[in-house]
Amino acid sequence: MTRKELFTMIAVSLGSFMVTLDISIVNVALPAIQQDLNSSMTDLQWIVDAYALTLSALILSSGIMSDRFGKKQIWNIGVIIFTIGSIICALSQNNLWLIIGRITQGIGGAALIPGAMAIIMMTFTDHHMRNKMVGIWSSSTAIALIVGPMMGGILVNYLGWSTIFSINIPIGLLIIILSTYAIRPEPKNPNISLDPLGQLLTMIMLGTLTFGLIELSQSPSLLFLLTIFAISLIAFILFILWESKVTTPLVPLSLFKSWEFSRNNIASFVIGFATYSNIFFLSLFFQNAQGYSAIETGFRLAPEFIAMGLFAMGYGKIAKHIKVQTLLLVAFVLIVISALIMAQFTPHSHYSIIAVSMFLMGIGMGISIPAVSLLTLKDAPKDKIGSVSSIMNAFRQTGMAISIALLGAIMTSSAIKALQSSFPNHKNIVDDAITQGIISVDISINHIQSAWAYGFNIAMFGAAISAMIVIICLFIKPTQTT
C-alpha cells in the first residue's frame, strides 16, 4: 500500500467515523436534550430523523454528482457542509435550530457515506485488497458506534450535550487536509445529467411519509393522516413515471430488473430498519425503562458495537472461506434472534442477558454491512459505481428513518396505552409522562418504566419481523432468462 493509499483510507474511515459518531452520540444525549430544550418525543424523533431523512433523500443525487464532478470534489464539499452543520447544532438554543443543524449535517453526510465506498472501489482494484479495505472501513463505523455512546455519556454528564457536536470540528478539518493530499482525482464526466425534479419528488415522498409516521403517536385525525400519506403516494407514483422517462434518472429503474440487485437493496433497507435504529431504542430503554444515566447508558451499549467492530475487521478473512450469500443469511438469522430476545426485556432484566443479545446484534451488523455492500457493487459498471453506492446507502438510511418514525411512534403509543391501562383517569398526565418526560406524583416511576419497556418490546418485535423478510428473500432464486 502506498502512502497516498494509506492516507486515503484514513480520510474515508475518519469521514465514516465522524458521520456515524454523530448518530451514536446524539441518541445517548436525547433525554438531556429533552430536559434542556423542553423537547417532546416528536421533537426527539425529528432530531434523529432530520439527519437520517436528509441523508436518504440526498444520497441519490450525491452519487450522480460524484460521477459528474469527481468523487474527490464532492467528498471534500460534503466534509465542509457536515462541519458547518455541527457548528449550528453546537450553538442551538432551541429544537428548531437543532433540527436545522441536523439537516445541514445530513446534507454533508449524504456526500460522505456513499463517497467512502466509491473512493475505496476506485482506489483499490485488487479483489482481496479491496475486501480487506472494505472490512477496515466498516470497522471505522463500528469504532464510532463503540466510542460514541461512551464519549457522549461522559460529555453530556460533565460538559453538556452541545459538546457532542463541537468535537466534529477538528475531525472535519483533519479529513479535509488528508483528502486534499491523498485522494486520487479522476476525470470529470460533464455528460452526466442531473435530475432535480427526481430529487424534489424524492424529498416530498420521504418527507411526508416520515412526517405521517411520526405523527401516528399523536393520534391525529384520520383525514389528516390520509392526506399526508396520499401526498407521499402521489409523489412516489410521479417519481416512478418521471424516472422511467428521463434520459439520466436519479434512480436507474432498469437496475431493479435484477432480482439480486433488488434483494440486496431490500437487505440494505432492513439493516437500517432493524439495526441502525437499534441504538435509538436501546438508549431510551436504558434511560427511560431501567433508569440509567447517560454515561451509564453509553457504557452499557458497548457490547453491540464491539462485536460489530471485531467482525467487520475480520470480514475479509471470513469471506475467504464462506460464501458471501451464506454470511448474509447467518447475519440476518442472528439479527432476528437478537431482536426477539430484546422483545422480552423488562425494567429488571439482568444486564448479562441484555449484553448477549446486543453482542449477537453486533455480529449480524458487522457481517451484513460489508456483505451487502460488496454484493451490490461487485458487478456495477465503473461509470455507475457512485450511483449504485448511493442507491444502496439511500435504502439503508431510509430504513433507519422509517424505523425511528414508525417503530418510534408504535413504541410511544404502546407505552401510553400500557400506562393508561393502569391509570385510566389520568389521560393528560399519562401522555405528558411519556411524550414530554414530565413525571407526576400521581404516577410512580415504576409504572412509567414498565410502560417504556413494553413499548420497547413491541418495537423490537417489529424489527425482528423485518429481518425475517430478508431471510425469506435470500431463499428466493431469480427466474432464469435466455
Protein backbone atom coordinates (compact mmCIF):
# COMPACT_ATOMS: atom_id res chain seq x y z
CA MET A 1 0.00 0.00 0.00
CA THR A 2 1.38 3.41 -0.98
CA ARG A 3 1.43 6.42 1.34
CA LYS A 4 -1.40 8.10 -0.55
CA GLU A 5 -3.49 4.93 -0.43
CA LEU A 6 -2.91 4.78 3.33
CA PHE A 7 -3.93 8.43 3.80
CA THR A 8 -6.94 7.85 1.54
CA MET A 9 -8.10 5.02 3.81
CA ILE A 10 -7.54 7.18 6.88
CA ALA A 11 -9.58 10.01 5.31
CA VAL A 12 -12.54 7.88 4.23
CA SER A 13 -12.52 5.94 7.52
CA LEU A 14 -12.44 9.19 9.52
CA GLY A 15 -15.30 10.53 7.39
CA SER A 16 -17.43 7.48 8.10
CA PHE A 17 -16.32 7.62 11.73
CA MET A 18 -17.45 11.25 12.07
CA VAL A 19 -20.82 10.69 10.40
CA THR A 20 -21.57 7.57 12.47
CA LEU A 21 -20.23 9.11 15.68
CA ASP A 22 -22.95 11.74 15.47
CA ILE A 23 -25.66 9.09 15.31
CA SER A 24 -24.49 7.19 18.40
CA ILE A 25 -23.65 10.27 20.46
CA VAL A 26 -26.96 12.00 19.72
CA ASN A 27 -29.03 9.02 20.80
CA VAL A 28 -27.38 8.87 24.22
CA ALA A 29 -27.95 12.61 24.68
CA LEU A 30 -31.68 12.57 23.83
CA PRO A 31 -33.03 12.67 27.42
CA ALA A 32 -30.61 15.52 28.28
CA ILE A 33 -31.69 17.43 25.16
CA GLN A 34 -35.35 16.80 26.08
CA GLN A 35 -34.83 18.24 29.55
CA ASP A 36 -32.75 21.24 28.43
CA LEU A 37 -34.81 22.26 25.37
CA ASN A 38 -38.19 21.07 26.70
CA SER A 39 -38.43 18.68 23.74
CA SER A 40 -41.38 16.40 23.11
CA MET A 41 -40.99 12.78 21.99
CA THR A 42 -41.88 14.02 18.48
CA ASP A 43 -39.07 16.59 18.68
CA LEU A 44 -36.61 13.84 19.66
CA GLN A 45 -37.72 11.71 16.71
CA TRP A 46 -37.18 14.67 14.37
CA ILE A 47 -33.75 15.46 15.88
CA VAL A 48 -32.67 11.97 14.82
CA ASP A 49 -34.77 11.62 11.68
CA ALA A 50 -34.00 15.08 10.23
CA TYR A 51 -30.46 13.80 9.79
CA ALA A 52 -31.38 10.31 8.56
CA LEU A 53 -34.09 11.61 6.24
CA THR A 54 -31.85 14.22 4.61
CA LEU A 55 -29.20 11.56 4.14
CA SER A 56 -31.57 9.12 2.47
CA ALA A 57 -33.08 11.76 0.18
CA LEU A 58 -29.85 13.44 -0.97
CA ILE A 59 -27.57 10.41 -1.13
CA LEU A 60 -29.13 9.62 -4.53
CA SER A 61 -28.06 12.94 -6.04
CA SER A 62 -24.64 12.83 -4.40
CA GLY A 63 -23.85 9.64 -6.29
CA ILE A 64 -24.66 11.21 -9.65
CA MET A 65 -22.80 14.40 -8.69
CA SER A 66 -19.72 12.41 -7.69
CA ASP A 67 -19.79 10.64 -11.07
CA ARG A 68 -20.14 14.00 -12.84
CA PHE A 69 -17.94 16.37 -10.82
CA GLY A 70 -15.50 13.87 -9.34
CA LYS A 71 -15.61 11.80 -6.17
CA LYS A 72 -12.84 13.81 -4.51
CA GLN A 73 -14.53 17.18 -5.06
CA ILE A 74 -17.95 16.08 -3.79
CA TRP A 75 -16.33 14.32 -0.82
CA ASN A 76 -14.49 17.50 0.27
CA ILE A 77 -17.63 19.63 -0.11
CA GLY A 78 -19.53 17.12 2.00
CA VAL A 79 -16.96 17.32 4.80
CA ILE A 80 -17.19 21.12 4.84
CA ILE A 81 -21.00 21.15 4.96
CA PHE A 82 -21.10 18.50 7.68
CA THR A 83 -18.68 20.53 9.80
CA ILE A 84 -20.82 23.67 9.38
CA GLY A 85 -23.89 21.68 10.42
CA SER A 86 -22.05 20.53 13.55
CA ILE A 87 -21.32 24.15 14.46
CA ILE A 88 -25.03 25.04 14.09
CA CYS A 89 -26.04 22.12 16.32
CA ALA A 90 -23.48 23.04 18.98
CA LEU A 91 -24.80 26.61 19.15
CA SER A 92 -28.51 25.71 19.07
CA GLN A 93 -30.71 27.16 21.80
CA ASN A 94 -33.99 25.55 20.75
CA ASN A 95 -35.38 22.49 18.96
CA LEU A 96 -35.86 24.30 15.63
CA TRP A 97 -32.23 25.33 15.26
CA LEU A 98 -31.03 21.93 16.40
CA ILE A 99 -33.17 20.29 13.71
CA ILE A 100 -31.84 22.78 11.12
CA GLY A 101 -28.30 21.88 12.14
CA ARG A 102 -29.10 18.19 11.83
CA ILE A 103 -30.50 18.78 8.33
CA THR A 104 -27.26 20.57 7.38
CA GLN A 105 -25.25 17.66 8.75
CA GLY A 106 -27.43 15.33 6.68
CA ILE A 107 -26.64 17.28 3.51
CA GLY A 108 -22.92 16.85 4.14
CA GLY A 109 -23.27 13.25 5.24
CA ALA A 110 -25.12 12.45 2.02
CA ALA A 111 -21.85 13.02 0.16
CA LEU A 112 -19.68 11.20 2.69
CA ILE A 113 -21.49 7.90 3.19
CA PRO A 114 -21.65 6.69 -0.45
CA GLY A 115 -18.47 8.60 -1.29
CA ALA A 116 -16.36 6.49 1.07
CA MET A 117 -17.25 3.18 -0.58
CA ALA A 118 -16.93 4.63 -4.09
CA ILE A 119 -13.46 6.05 -3.31
CA ILE A 120 -12.34 2.67 -1.94
CA MET A 121 -13.60 0.90 -5.07
CA MET A 122 -11.79 3.47 -7.23
CA THR A 123 -8.52 3.32 -5.26
CA PHE A 124 -8.11 -0.44 -4.77
CA THR A 125 -8.55 -2.69 -7.80
CA ASP A 126 -7.19 -5.96 -6.37
CA HIS A 127 -10.10 -8.13 -5.17
CA HIS A 128 -8.51 -9.35 -1.92
CA MET A 129 -7.07 -5.95 -1.03
CA ARG A 130 -10.46 -4.34 -1.71
CA ASN A 131 -12.20 -6.84 0.60
CA LYS A 132 -9.67 -6.06 3.30
CA MET A 133 -10.11 -2.31 2.91
CA VAL A 134 -13.92 -2.64 2.98
CA GLY A 135 -13.60 -4.53 6.25
CA ILE A 136 -11.35 -1.83 7.71
CA TRP A 137 -13.72 0.89 6.51
CA SER A 138 -16.69 -0.93 8.04
CA SER A 139 -14.82 -1.26 11.32
CA SER A 140 -14.43 2.53 11.49
CA THR A 141 -18.22 2.69 11.69
CA ALA A 142 -18.19 0.13 14.49
CA ILE A 143 -15.48 2.02 16.38
CA ALA A 144 -17.54 5.21 16.14
CA LEU A 145 -20.55 3.37 17.49
CA ILE A 146 -18.45 1.95 20.35
CA VAL A 147 -16.74 5.23 21.24
CA GLY A 148 -19.78 7.40 20.57
CA PRO A 149 -22.11 6.26 23.38
CA MET A 150 -19.33 6.24 25.99
CA MET A 151 -17.89 9.55 24.85
CA GLY A 152 -21.37 11.01 24.54
CA GLY A 153 -22.29 9.90 28.06
CA ILE A 154 -19.15 11.50 29.50
CA LEU A 155 -19.60 14.74 27.55
CA VAL A 156 -23.30 15.03 28.40
CA ASN A 157 -22.71 14.33 32.09
CA TYR A 158 -19.80 16.73 32.57
CA LEU A 159 -19.80 19.31 29.76
CA GLY A 160 -23.36 19.40 28.38
CA TRP A 161 -24.99 17.96 25.25
CA SER A 162 -23.76 20.71 22.88
CA THR A 163 -20.19 19.40 23.14
CA ILE A 164 -21.18 16.18 21.33
CA PHE A 165 -21.38 18.25 18.15
CA SER A 166 -18.37 20.54 18.61
CA ILE A 167 -15.93 17.58 18.63
CA ASN A 168 -16.67 17.14 14.90
CA ILE A 169 -14.93 20.42 14.05
CA PRO A 170 -11.27 19.29 14.46
CA ILE A 171 -12.09 15.90 12.90
CA GLY A 172 -13.59 17.64 9.86
CA LEU A 173 -10.55 19.87 9.40
CA LEU A 174 -8.19 16.87 9.54
CA ILE A 175 -10.25 14.98 6.93
CA ILE A 176 -10.12 17.95 4.53
CA ILE A 177 -6.30 18.11 4.82
CA LEU A 178 -5.86 14.36 4.25
CA SER A 179 -8.40 14.20 1.41
CA THR A 180 -6.91 17.13 -0.44
CA TYR A 181 -3.48 15.50 -0.40
CA ALA A 182 -4.21 11.81 -0.82
CA ILE A 183 -7.44 11.04 -2.70
CA ARG A 184 -6.69 10.46 -6.37
CA PRO A 185 -8.52 12.91 -8.64
CA GLU A 186 -10.38 11.39 -11.55
CA PRO A 187 -11.55 12.81 -14.87
CA LYS A 188 -14.90 14.59 -14.58
CA ASN A 189 -17.80 13.47 -16.73
CA PRO A 190 -19.80 16.59 -17.69
CA ASN A 191 -22.03 14.48 -19.95
CA ILE A 192 -23.81 13.03 -16.91
CA SER A 193 -27.04 14.97 -16.38
CA LEU A 194 -28.55 15.81 -13.02
CA ASP A 195 -32.17 15.09 -12.14
CA PRO A 196 -33.52 17.97 -9.98
CA LEU A 197 -37.19 17.01 -10.43
CA GLY A 198 -36.49 13.44 -9.38
CA GLN A 199 -34.65 14.77 -6.33
CA LEU A 200 -37.56 17.06 -5.42
CA LEU A 201 -40.09 14.23 -5.71
CA THR A 202 -37.87 12.02 -3.54
CA MET A 203 -37.74 14.66 -0.81
CA ILE A 204 -41.52 15.16 -0.88
CA MET A 205 -42.16 11.41 -0.87
CA LEU A 206 -39.83 10.58 2.03
CA GLY A 207 -40.55 13.76 3.98
CA THR A 208 -44.32 13.36 4.01
CA LEU A 209 -44.09 9.62 4.71
CA THR A 210 -41.80 10.17 7.70
CA PHE A 211 -43.91 13.08 8.97
CA GLY A 212 -47.06 10.97 8.80
CA LEU A 213 -45.45 8.04 10.60
CA ILE A 214 -44.06 10.22 13.40
CA GLU A 215 -47.48 11.84 13.86
CA LEU A 216 -49.07 8.41 14.44
CA SER A 217 -48.15 8.62 18.13
CA GLN A 218 -50.01 11.95 18.43
CA SER A 219 -53.36 10.34 17.50
CA PRO A 220 -54.13 12.79 14.66
CA SER A 221 -57.39 12.76 12.71
CA LEU A 222 -57.81 10.06 10.09
CA LEU A 223 -58.35 12.70 7.39
CA PHE A 224 -55.05 14.38 8.27
CA LEU A 225 -53.13 11.12 8.06
CA LEU A 226 -54.78 10.08 4.81
CA THR A 227 -53.92 13.45 3.27
CA ILE A 228 -50.25 13.20 4.30
CA PHE A 229 -49.88 9.61 3.07
CA ALA A 230 -51.76 10.44 -0.14
CA ILE A 231 -49.23 13.19 -0.91
CA SER A 232 -46.41 10.71 -0.31
CA LEU A 233 -48.05 8.11 -2.58
CA ILE A 234 -48.68 10.64 -5.37
CA ALA A 235 -45.06 11.81 -5.16
CA PHE A 236 -43.93 8.17 -5.38
CA ILE A 237 -46.05 7.49 -8.48
CA LEU A 238 -44.85 10.68 -10.17
CA PHE A 239 -41.27 9.75 -9.27
CA ILE A 240 -41.59 6.33 -10.93
CA LEU A 241 -43.20 7.83 -14.04
CA TRP A 242 -40.56 10.54 -14.32
CA GLU A 243 -37.61 8.22 -13.70
CA SER A 244 -38.83 5.85 -16.42
CA LYS A 245 -38.78 8.69 -18.99
CA VAL A 246 -35.87 10.96 -18.09
CA THR A 247 -32.62 10.39 -20.00
CA THR A 248 -30.37 10.28 -16.92
CA PRO A 249 -32.54 9.23 -14.00
CA LEU A 250 -31.74 9.77 -10.36
CA VAL A 251 -32.51 6.08 -9.84
CA PRO A 252 -32.00 3.91 -12.96
CA LEU A 253 -35.10 1.71 -12.64
CA SER A 254 -33.60 -0.82 -15.04
CA LEU A 255 -31.21 -1.89 -12.27
CA PHE A 256 -34.15 -3.29 -10.32
CA LYS A 257 -34.91 -5.77 -13.10
CA SER A 258 -32.14 -7.80 -11.49
CA TRP A 259 -33.55 -9.77 -8.55
CA GLU A 260 -30.11 -9.85 -6.91
CA PHE A 261 -29.88 -6.04 -7.02
CA SER A 262 -33.41 -5.63 -5.66
CA ARG A 263 -32.86 -8.22 -2.94
CA ASN A 264 -29.59 -6.63 -1.84
CA ASN A 265 -31.29 -3.26 -1.51
CA ILE A 266 -34.14 -4.79 0.49
CA ALA A 267 -31.45 -6.19 2.78
CA SER A 268 -29.79 -2.78 2.96
CA PHE A 269 -33.13 -1.18 3.93
CA VAL A 270 -33.67 -3.73 6.70
CA ILE A 271 -30.14 -3.24 8.04
CA GLY A 272 -31.12 0.37 8.61
CA PHE A 273 -34.61 -0.55 9.87
CA ALA A 274 -33.63 -3.32 12.30
CA THR A 275 -30.04 -2.47 13.34
CA TYR A 276 -29.06 1.17 12.66
CA SER A 277 -32.15 2.37 14.55
CA ASN A 278 -31.43 -0.06 17.40
CA ILE A 279 -29.27 2.41 19.30
CA PHE A 280 -32.16 4.94 19.36
CA PHE A 281 -34.45 2.43 21.05
CA LEU A 282 -31.80 0.95 23.36
CA SER A 283 -30.78 4.42 24.56
CA LEU A 284 -34.38 5.18 25.51
CA PHE A 285 -34.80 1.73 27.07
CA PHE A 286 -31.74 2.05 29.32
CA GLN A 287 -32.60 5.59 30.45
CA ASN A 288 -36.41 5.58 30.47
CA ALA A 289 -37.16 1.93 31.31
CA GLN A 290 -34.18 1.00 33.51
CA GLY A 291 -33.35 4.44 34.91
CA TYR A 292 -29.67 4.66 33.99
CA SER A 293 -27.83 7.93 33.38
CA ALA A 294 -26.37 8.97 30.02
CA ILE A 295 -22.87 7.87 30.97
CA GLU A 296 -24.11 4.50 32.29
CA THR A 297 -26.13 4.02 29.11
CA GLY A 298 -23.12 4.78 26.95
CA PHE A 299 -21.03 2.03 28.52
CA ARG A 300 -23.90 -0.46 28.50
CA LEU A 301 -24.28 -0.07 24.72
CA ALA A 302 -20.66 -1.14 24.10
CA PRO A 303 -21.11 -4.94 23.54
CA GLU A 304 -23.17 -4.46 20.37
CA PHE A 305 -20.59 -2.28 18.70
CA ILE A 306 -17.55 -4.14 19.98
CA ALA A 307 -18.94 -7.23 18.25
CA MET A 308 -19.67 -5.21 15.13
CA GLY A 309 -16.11 -3.87 15.03
CA LEU A 310 -14.49 -7.25 15.57
CA PHE A 311 -16.47 -9.00 12.86
CA ALA A 312 -16.26 -6.07 10.42
CA MET A 313 -12.47 -6.03 10.73
CA GLY A 314 -12.32 -9.80 10.31
CA TYR A 315 -14.79 -9.87 7.44
CA GLY A 316 -12.10 -10.17 4.75
CA LYS A 317 -10.65 -13.31 6.32
CA ILE A 318 -14.07 -14.86 6.97
CA ALA A 319 -15.17 -14.19 3.37
CA LYS A 320 -12.23 -16.23 2.06
CA HIS A 321 -13.76 -19.41 3.48
CA ILE A 322 -17.54 -18.80 3.40
CA LYS A 323 -19.69 -17.56 0.53
CA VAL A 324 -20.95 -14.01 0.90
CA GLN A 325 -24.60 -15.08 0.49
CA THR A 326 -24.18 -17.62 3.30
CA LEU A 327 -22.60 -14.99 5.53
CA LEU A 328 -25.50 -12.65 4.85
CA LEU A 329 -28.02 -15.35 5.78
CA VAL A 330 -26.22 -16.11 9.04
CA ALA A 331 -26.05 -12.39 9.83
CA PHE A 332 -29.80 -11.90 9.47
CA VAL A 333 -30.58 -15.02 11.50
CA LEU A 334 -28.51 -13.52 14.32
CA ILE A 335 -30.33 -10.20 13.95
CA VAL A 336 -33.70 -11.97 14.26
CA ILE A 337 -32.59 -13.92 17.35
CA SER A 338 -31.22 -10.77 18.98
CA ALA A 339 -34.34 -8.70 18.27
CA LEU A 340 -36.62 -11.45 19.63
CA ILE A 341 -34.59 -11.60 22.85
CA MET A 342 -34.82 -7.80 23.16
CA ALA A 343 -38.59 -8.07 22.73
CA GLN A 344 -38.63 -9.82 26.13
CA PHE A 345 -36.70 -7.15 28.09
CA THR A 346 -38.21 -5.74 31.29
CA PRO A 347 -37.08 -2.92 33.60
CA HIS A 348 -35.50 -5.63 35.75
CA SER A 349 -33.77 -7.67 33.02
CA HIS A 350 -30.25 -8.65 34.06
CA TYR A 351 -27.54 -6.91 32.08
CA SER A 352 -25.83 -10.22 31.17
CA ILE A 353 -28.84 -11.20 29.05
CA ILE A 354 -29.02 -7.75 27.52
CA ALA A 355 -25.28 -7.80 26.71
CA VAL A 356 -25.52 -11.20 24.98
CA SER A 357 -28.41 -10.07 22.80
CA MET A 358 -26.56 -6.87 21.86
CA PHE A 359 -23.41 -8.87 21.03
CA LEU A 360 -25.44 -11.08 18.67
CA MET A 361 -26.89 -7.98 17.03
CA GLY A 362 -23.38 -6.58 16.64
CA ILE A 363 -22.16 -9.74 14.90
CA GLY A 364 -25.08 -9.50 12.48
CA MET A 365 -24.26 -5.86 11.76
CA GLY A 366 -20.53 -6.45 11.37
CA ILE A 367 -21.11 -9.17 8.78
CA SER A 368 -24.17 -7.85 6.93
CA ILE A 369 -22.93 -4.33 6.16
CA PRO A 370 -19.77 -5.26 4.18
CA ALA A 371 -21.51 -8.31 2.68
CA VAL A 372 -24.40 -6.29 1.25
CA SER A 373 -22.00 -3.55 0.07
CA LEU A 374 -19.81 -5.99 -1.86
CA LEU A 375 -22.73 -7.96 -3.31
CA THR A 376 -24.32 -4.75 -4.58
CA LEU A 377 -21.20 -3.15 -6.03
CA LYS A 378 -19.23 -6.11 -7.39
CA ASP A 379 -20.96 -6.15 -10.79
CA ALA A 380 -21.75 -2.43 -11.02
CA PRO A 381 -20.49 -0.63 -14.16
CA LYS A 382 -17.46 1.52 -13.35
CA ASP A 383 -19.20 4.70 -14.52
CA LYS A 384 -22.17 3.99 -12.22
CA ILE A 385 -20.38 2.92 -9.04
CA GLY A 386 -21.25 6.24 -7.39
CA SER A 387 -24.93 5.92 -8.31
CA VAL A 388 -25.21 2.28 -7.25
CA SER A 389 -23.45 3.02 -3.95
CA SER A 390 -25.84 5.93 -3.39
CA ILE A 391 -28.93 3.79 -4.01
CA MET A 392 -27.70 1.13 -1.58
CA ASN A 393 -26.93 3.67 1.14
CA ALA A 394 -30.19 5.55 0.49
CA PHE A 395 -32.12 2.36 1.19
CA ARG A 396 -30.15 1.82 4.40
CA GLN A 397 -30.62 5.37 5.68
CA THR A 398 -34.29 5.34 4.65
CA GLY A 399 -34.68 2.14 6.64
CA MET A 400 -33.33 3.86 9.74
CA ALA A 401 -35.52 6.95 9.24
CA ILE A 402 -38.67 4.89 8.68
CA SER A 403 -37.86 2.67 11.66
CA ILE A 404 -37.42 5.61 14.06
CA ALA A 405 -40.61 7.20 12.71
CA LEU A 406 -42.78 4.06 12.54
CA LEU A 407 -41.42 1.91 15.37
CA GLY A 408 -40.82 5.06 17.43
CA ALA A 409 -44.49 6.01 17.04
CA ILE A 410 -45.54 2.43 17.85
CA MET A 411 -43.25 2.38 20.90
CA THR A 412 -44.65 5.69 22.19
CA SER A 413 -48.28 4.73 21.55
CA SER A 414 -47.78 1.31 23.15
CA ALA A 415 -46.14 2.89 26.22
CA ILE A 416 -49.02 5.37 26.56
CA LYS A 417 -51.64 2.61 26.27
CA ALA A 418 -49.81 0.45 28.81
CA LEU A 419 -49.69 3.34 31.28
CA GLN A 420 -53.31 4.31 30.61
CA SER A 421 -54.42 0.78 31.46
CA SER A 422 -53.06 1.34 34.98
CA PHE A 423 -54.26 4.95 35.25
CA PRO A 424 -57.43 5.23 33.12
CA ASN A 425 -58.50 8.50 34.73
CA HIS A 426 -55.21 10.36 34.22
CA LYS A 427 -55.00 10.65 30.41
CA ASN A 428 -53.24 14.04 30.26
CA ILE A 429 -50.74 13.11 32.96
CA VAL A 430 -50.03 9.79 31.22
CA ASP A 431 -49.46 11.49 27.86
CA ASP A 432 -47.10 14.06 29.41
CA ALA A 433 -45.16 11.37 31.26
CA ILE A 434 -44.36 9.51 28.00
CA THR A 435 -44.19 12.24 25.37
CA GLN A 436 -42.73 15.10 27.45
CA GLY A 437 -40.88 13.25 30.20
CA ILE A 438 -42.95 15.12 32.82
CA ILE A 439 -43.37 12.90 35.88
CA SER A 440 -46.33 13.45 38.20
CA VAL A 441 -46.64 12.40 41.84
CA ASP A 442 -49.85 10.60 40.84
CA ILE A 443 -47.90 8.04 38.77
CA SER A 444 -44.99 6.04 40.14
CA ILE A 445 -41.68 5.80 38.30
CA ASN A 446 -42.04 2.00 38.29
CA HIS A 447 -45.23 2.23 36.23
CA ILE A 448 -43.56 4.63 33.75
CA GLN A 449 -40.52 2.36 33.39
CA SER A 450 -42.74 -0.68 32.79
CA ALA A 451 -44.68 1.24 30.13
CA TRP A 452 -41.47 2.21 28.31
CA ALA A 453 -40.23 -1.38 28.45
CA TYR A 454 -43.48 -2.60 26.92
CA GLY A 455 -43.22 -0.06 24.09
CA PHE A 456 -39.61 -1.11 23.50
CA ASN A 457 -40.69 -4.78 23.31
CA ILE A 458 -43.23 -4.02 20.57
CA ALA A 459 -40.64 -2.03 18.57
CA MET A 460 -38.08 -4.86 18.75
CA PHE A 461 -40.66 -7.40 17.63
CA GLY A 462 -41.27 -5.22 14.57
CA ALA A 463 -37.52 -5.18 13.87
CA ALA A 464 -37.41 -8.98 14.08
CA ILE A 465 -40.23 -9.32 11.55
CA SER A 466 -38.39 -7.09 9.05
CA ALA A 467 -35.23 -9.23 9.31
CA MET A 468 -37.30 -12.39 8.79
CA ILE A 469 -38.49 -10.94 5.47
CA VAL A 470 -34.87 -10.64 4.29
CA ILE A 471 -34.19 -14.27 5.24
CA ILE A 472 -37.13 -15.31 3.07
CA CYS A 473 -35.83 -13.15 0.20
CA LEU A 474 -32.42 -14.82 0.41
CA PHE A 475 -34.01 -18.18 -0.36
CA ILE A 476 -35.87 -16.90 -3.42
CA LYS A 477 -33.99 -17.75 -6.61
CA PRO A 478 -34.21 -15.42 -9.60
CA THR A 479 -36.05 -16.53 -12.72
CA GLN A 480 -33.58 -17.60 -15.41
CA THR A 481 -33.87 -15.72 -18.69
CA THR A 482 -32.48 -16.66 -22.06
